[in-house]
Amino acid sequence: MTDKVKGPASYFPSIEAKYGRPIAEWQAMIRAKGEMKHMEIVGWLKSEHGMGHGHANALVAATLAKKG
């Protein structure tokens, strides 16, 4: 039996398929934003990369959770 991916990472396959970049690349770009707040980065992904809110929010949440 395979464990189903839960939480923000469950969005990763559709993010890669829809926006054409691997998750590691998105995460590197998010980390490069430095001290920007969560919702500021979500807004940047939406405005600069055309990402939907759910995808952007999940990607930022998963990335920032692993930052510390």
C-alpha atoms as a PDB file:
ATOM      1  CA  MET A   1       0.000   0.000   0.000  1.00  0.00           C
ATOM      2  CA  THR A   2       1.314   3.431  -0.921  1.00  0.00           C
ATOM      3  CA  ASP A   3       0.875   6.354   1.440  1.00  0.00           C
ATOM      4  CA  LYS A   4      -0.976   9.211  -0.196  1.00  0.00           C
ATOM      5  CA  VAL A   5       0.850  12.545  -0.077  1.00  0.00           C
ATOM      6  CA  LYS A   6      -0.976  14.998   2.172  1.00  0.00           C
ATOM      7  CA  GLY A   7      -0.780  18.689   2.884  1.00  0.00           C
ATOM      8  CA  PRO A   8       0.855  21.271   0.624  1.00  0.00           C
ATOM      9  CA  ALA A   9       3.037  18.681  -1.133  1.00  0.00           C
ATOM     10  CA  SER A  10      -0.104  17.093  -2.584  1.00  0.00           C
ATOM     11  CA  TYR A  11      -0.218  20.063  -4.987  1.00  0.00           C
ATOM     12  CA  PHE A  12       3.330  19.536  -6.294  1.00  0.00           C
ATOM     13  CA  PRO A  13       2.564  17.273  -9.285  1.00  0.00           C
ATOM     14  CA  SER A  14      -0.083  19.659 -10.622  1.00  0.00           C
ATOM     15  CA  ILE A  15       2.155  22.698 -10.004  1.00  0.00           C
ATOM     16  CA  GLU A  16       4.951  21.123 -12.049  1.00  0.00           C
ATOM     17  CA  ALA A  17       2.555  20.117 -14.828  1.00  0.00           C
ATOM     18  CA  LYS A  18       0.742  23.460 -15.015  1.00  0.00           C
ATOM     19  CA  TYR A  19       3.642  25.897 -14.610  1.00  0.00           C
ATOM     20  CA  GLY A  20       6.438  23.911 -16.277  1.00  0.00           C
ATOM     21  CA  ARG A  21       9.152  24.104 -13.627  1.00  0.00           C
ATOM     22  CA  PRO A  22      10.302  21.504 -11.110  1.00  0.00           C
ATOM     23  CA  ILE A  23       9.374  22.099  -7.464  1.00  0.00           C
ATOM     24  CA  ALA A  24      13.051  22.473  -6.512  1.00  0.00           C
ATOM     25  CA  GLU A  25      13.328  25.447  -8.878  1.00  0.00           C
ATOM     26  CA  TRP A  26      10.234  27.127  -7.414  1.00  0.00           C
ATOM     27  CA  GLN A  27      11.564  26.531  -3.912  1.00  0.00           C
ATOM     28  CA  ALA A  28      14.930  28.078  -4.777  1.00  0.00           C
ATOM     29  CA  MET A  29      13.164  31.175  -6.124  1.00  0.00           C
ATOM     30  CA  ILE A  30      11.056  31.404  -2.957  1.00  0.00           C
ATOM     31  CA  ARG A  31      14.117  31.070  -0.718  1.00  0.00           C
ATOM     32  CA  ALA A  32      15.815  33.825  -2.727  1.00  0.00           C
ATOM     33  CA  LYS A  33      13.043  36.200  -1.614  1.00  0.00           C
ATOM     34  CA  GLY A  34      14.785  36.395   1.758  1.00  0.00           C
ATOM     35  CA  GLU A  35      12.753  37.990   4.492  1.00  0.00           C
ATOM     36  CA  MET A  36       9.533  38.512   2.532  1.00  0.00           C
ATOM     37  CA  LYS A  37       6.447  37.364   4.388  1.00  0.00           C
ATOM     38  CA  HIS A  38       4.404  34.351   3.336  1.00  0.00           C
ATOM     39  CA  MET A  39       1.569  36.301   1.691  1.00  0.00           C
ATOM     40  CA  GLU A  40       3.995  38.682  -0.031  1.00  0.00           C
ATOM     41  CA  ILE A  41       5.630  35.699  -1.729  1.00  0.00           C
ATOM     42  CA  VAL A  42       2.207  34.264  -2.614  1.00  0.00           C
ATOM     43  CA  GLY A  43       1.329  37.608  -4.228  1.00  0.00           C
ATOM     44  CA  TRP A  44       4.611  37.613  -6.151  1.00  0.00           C
ATOM     45  CA  LEU A  45       4.007  34.095  -7.508  1.00  0.00           C
ATOM     46  CA  LYS A  46       0.503  35.104  -8.567  1.00  0.00           C
ATOM     47  CA  SER A  47       1.443  38.404 -10.220  1.00  0.00           C
ATOM     48  CA  GLU A  48       4.812  37.507 -11.746  1.00  0.00           C
ATOM     49  CA  HIS A  49       4.218  33.873 -12.651  1.00  0.00           C
ATOM     50  CA  GLY A  50       0.437  33.657 -13.090  1.00  0.00           C
ATOM     51  CA  MET A  51       0.113  31.037 -10.382  1.00  0.00           C
ATOM     52  CA  GLY A  52      -3.262  30.382  -8.784  1.00  0.00           C
ATOM     53  CA  HIS A  53      -3.710  31.213  -5.114  1.00  0.00           C
ATOM     54  CA  GLY A  54      -3.979  27.604  -3.894  1.00  0.00           C
ATOM     55  CA  HIS A  55      -0.868  26.485  -5.731  1.00  0.00           C
ATOM     56  CA  ALA A  56       1.137  29.533  -4.644  1.00  0.00           C
ATOM     57  CA  ASN A  57       0.037  29.223  -1.023  1.00  0.00           C
ATOM     58  CA  ALA A  58       0.843  25.507  -0.859  1.00  0.00           C
ATOM     59  CA  LEU A  59       4.257  25.984  -2.446  1.00  0.00           C
ATOM     60  CA  VAL A  60       5.219  28.830  -0.101  1.00  0.00           C
ATOM     61  CA  ALA A  61       3.914  26.994   2.989  1.00  0.00           C
ATOM     62  CA  ALA A  62       5.880  23.840   2.189  1.00  0.00           C
ATOM     63  CA  THR A  63       9.037  25.778   1.339  1.00  0.00           C
ATOM     64  CA  LEU A  64       9.023  28.042   4.381  1.00  0.00           C
ATOM     65  CA  ALA A  65       8.225  25.121   6.709  1.00  0.00           C
ATOM     66  CA  LYS A  66      11.528  23.505   5.686  1.00  0.00           C
ATOM     67  CA  LYS A  67      13.508  26.754   5.854  1.00  0.00           C
ATOM     68  CA  GLY A  68      14.327  26.750   9.553  1.00  0.00           C
END
